[in-house]
Amino acid sequence: MSPAKTKGIFLGIVLGVLVGAGLLYVRGGREVEEVASELPEVEPPPADSMATAEIALPDSVPAYSVLGVAEELGSPTRGDVIVPALTRETPAAVREAVLRRIMQLEGLDEAALFCSEDALRAAYSEVFQSEHPGALQTCGLGQVGSDGVFNSWDALYR
């Protein structure tokens, strides 16, 4: 058995135990009606002020789905967000603003952003990624991690 498969089985068992013990709650995905047909115009802050810049959150966001939300007792709430209207060509500042607004709407502390469900699957499965080359590279759009900083993943998937 490959190390990746062994790791996957182990993680599945651990998650099953945590869910069964009530220490981990997984909320299913849900669709949100489209509230805007266009992406908001967001100007990126100057490069020298990126660490302290406040991102202006849009009032509305394109249609999105939130999948695999994990709420662990005493830990940040994390979720995976799919926004089909966004692409790698969408400026990183716009992707960040949309993701942060969705995080605010959904009560997420950390989130990863994708433009397709295939990219999400590829992010969690080496087997799926090998069977669908390019899925993550074309639709892995970034994340806000535990440090609160947005990473656009652009350097990872050039």
Protein backbone atom coordinates (compact mmCIF):
# COMPACT_ATOMS: atom_id res chain seq x y z
CA MET A 1 0.00 0.00 0.00
CA SER A 2 1.37 3.42 -0.94
CA PRO A 3 2.23 5.97 1.79
CA ALA A 4 -0.40 8.36 0.39
CA LYS A 5 -3.11 5.71 0.59
CA THR A 6 -2.05 4.74 4.12
CA LYS A 7 -2.12 8.40 5.15
CA GLY A 8 -5.60 8.81 3.61
CA ILE A 9 -6.96 5.78 5.45
CA PHE A 10 -5.43 6.97 8.73
CA LEU A 11 -6.91 10.47 8.30
CA GLY A 12 -10.31 8.94 7.50
CA ILE A 13 -10.23 6.89 10.68
CA VAL A 14 -9.15 9.88 12.78
CA LEU A 15 -11.88 12.10 11.29
CA GLY A 16 -14.45 9.35 11.85
CA VAL A 17 -13.48 9.07 15.50
CA LEU A 18 -13.57 12.86 15.97
CA VAL A 19 -16.98 13.16 14.32
CA GLY A 20 -18.32 10.18 16.29
CA ALA A 21 -17.09 11.66 19.56
CA GLY A 22 -18.70 15.00 18.75
CA LEU A 23 -15.37 16.82 18.69
CA LEU A 24 -15.60 17.63 14.98
CA TYR A 25 -18.71 18.79 13.19
CA VAL A 26 -18.76 18.79 9.41
CA ARG A 27 -21.34 21.00 7.76
CA GLY A 28 -22.40 20.03 4.26
CA GLY A 29 -22.12 22.33 1.26
CA ARG A 30 -24.93 24.57 0.18
CA GLU A 31 -25.69 26.66 -2.85
CA VAL A 32 -26.18 30.40 -2.55
CA GLU A 33 -28.26 32.28 -5.09
CA GLU A 34 -26.38 34.64 -7.33
CA VAL A 35 -26.68 38.19 -6.02
CA ALA A 36 -24.49 39.93 -8.57
CA SER A 37 -23.77 39.25 -12.20
CA GLU A 38 -20.48 41.12 -12.28
CA LEU A 39 -17.40 40.86 -10.15
CA PRO A 40 -16.64 43.91 -8.03
CA GLU A 41 -13.90 46.28 -9.10
CA VAL A 42 -11.23 46.20 -6.42
CA GLU A 43 -7.98 48.12 -6.63
CA PRO A 44 -5.02 46.31 -5.08
CA PRO A 45 -3.23 48.27 -2.36
CA PRO A 46 0.30 49.55 -3.04
CA ALA A 47 2.93 46.81 -2.77
CA ASP A 48 4.69 48.51 0.14
CA SER A 49 1.51 48.49 2.25
CA MET A 50 0.34 44.92 1.61
CA ALA A 51 0.94 43.76 5.19
CA THR A 52 -1.29 46.41 6.75
CA ALA A 53 -3.76 47.09 3.94
CA GLU A 54 -7.45 46.67 4.61
CA ILE A 55 -9.28 45.02 1.72
CA ALA A 56 -12.59 46.65 0.80
CA LEU A 57 -15.17 43.87 0.93
CA PRO A 58 -17.78 43.86 -1.84
CA ASP A 59 -21.45 44.22 -0.90
CA SER A 60 -22.39 41.31 -3.15
CA VAL A 61 -20.61 38.26 -4.44
CA PRO A 62 -21.08 35.95 -7.42
CA ALA A 63 -22.78 32.58 -6.94
CA TYR A 64 -20.76 30.27 -4.72
CA SER A 65 -20.83 26.97 -2.84
CA VAL A 66 -19.29 26.24 0.53
CA LEU A 67 -18.21 22.63 0.95
CA GLY A 68 -16.54 20.64 3.68
CA VAL A 69 -16.86 23.12 6.52
CA ALA A 70 -15.09 21.80 9.60
CA GLU A 71 -15.88 23.19 13.01
CA GLU A 72 -13.62 21.76 15.70
CA LEU A 73 -14.18 22.59 19.32
CA GLY A 74 -11.84 25.45 20.21
CA SER A 75 -10.41 25.71 16.68
CA PRO A 76 -11.05 28.05 13.77
CA THR A 77 -13.92 27.23 11.41
CA ARG A 78 -12.49 26.24 8.03
CA GLY A 79 -14.23 25.74 4.71
CA ASP A 80 -13.67 25.27 1.01
CA VAL A 81 -15.36 27.77 -1.29
CA ILE A 82 -16.14 27.25 -4.98
CA VAL A 83 -16.85 30.35 -7.09
CA PRO A 84 -17.23 29.31 -10.75
CA ALA A 85 -17.22 32.95 -11.94
CA LEU A 86 -13.63 33.49 -10.76
CA THR A 87 -10.59 32.29 -12.71
CA ARG A 88 -6.80 32.44 -12.47
CA GLU A 89 -7.03 35.54 -14.68
CA THR A 90 -9.18 37.31 -12.06
CA PRO A 91 -6.85 39.70 -10.22
CA ALA A 92 -5.65 38.33 -6.89
CA ALA A 93 -7.04 41.40 -5.07
CA VAL A 94 -10.52 40.64 -6.43
CA ARG A 95 -10.24 36.95 -5.49
CA GLU A 96 -9.18 37.94 -2.00
CA ALA A 97 -12.01 40.47 -1.57
CA VAL A 98 -14.64 37.98 -2.76
CA LEU A 99 -13.25 35.20 -0.53
CA ARG A 100 -13.11 37.45 2.54
CA ARG A 101 -16.71 38.58 1.97
CA ILE A 102 -17.88 34.97 1.65
CA MET A 103 -15.93 34.10 4.81
CA GLN A 104 -17.72 36.93 6.58
CA LEU A 105 -21.14 35.79 5.30
CA GLU A 106 -20.50 32.13 6.20
CA GLY A 107 -18.71 32.64 9.52
CA LEU A 108 -15.42 31.10 8.36
CA ASP A 109 -12.06 31.86 9.97
CA GLU A 110 -10.01 30.11 7.28
CA ALA A 111 -10.95 29.19 3.71
CA ALA A 112 -9.57 27.91 0.43
CA LEU A 113 -10.92 29.23 -2.88
CA PHE A 114 -11.50 27.18 -6.04
CA CYS A 115 -13.36 27.74 -9.31
CA SER A 116 -14.38 24.10 -9.76
CA GLU A 117 -15.21 21.06 -7.69
CA ASP A 118 -12.54 19.11 -9.60
CA ALA A 119 -9.89 21.51 -8.27
CA LEU A 120 -11.17 21.00 -4.75
CA ARG A 121 -11.00 17.22 -5.15
CA ALA A 122 -7.49 17.49 -6.61
CA ALA A 123 -6.39 19.52 -3.57
CA TYR A 124 -7.31 16.65 -1.25
CA SER A 125 -6.52 13.60 -3.38
CA GLU A 126 -3.24 12.82 -5.08
CA VAL A 127 -5.00 10.06 -7.04
CA PHE A 128 -7.68 12.46 -8.33
CA GLN A 129 -4.99 15.04 -9.11
CA SER A 130 -3.03 12.52 -11.17
CA GLU A 131 -6.20 11.51 -13.03
CA HIS A 132 -7.16 15.17 -13.66
CA PRO A 133 -3.88 16.96 -14.36
CA GLY A 134 -4.24 20.71 -14.40
CA ALA A 135 -7.46 20.86 -12.35
CA LEU A 136 -5.77 22.39 -9.34
CA GLN A 137 -3.36 24.46 -11.40
CA THR A 138 -6.19 26.15 -13.34
CA CYS A 139 -8.77 26.46 -10.56
CA GLY A 140 -6.84 26.62 -7.28
CA LEU A 141 -7.35 30.33 -6.59
CA GLY A 142 -5.94 30.91 -3.11
CA GLN A 143 -6.63 30.73 0.59
CA VAL A 144 -6.81 32.69 3.81
CA GLY A 145 -4.92 30.64 6.37
CA SER A 146 -4.68 30.66 10.14
CA ASP A 147 -2.45 33.74 10.00
CA GLY A 148 -5.24 35.69 8.27
CA VAL A 149 -3.10 36.39 5.21
CA PHE A 150 -4.37 35.71 1.69
CA ASN A 151 -2.10 33.50 -0.44
CA SER A 152 -3.13 33.63 -4.10
CA TRP A 153 -1.27 30.38 -4.96
CA ASP A 154 -0.08 32.10 -8.15
CA ALA A 155 3.55 31.21 -7.46
CA LEU A 156 2.62 27.56 -6.85
CA TYR A 157 0.72 27.03 -10.10
CA ARG A 158 2.50 28.99 -12.84
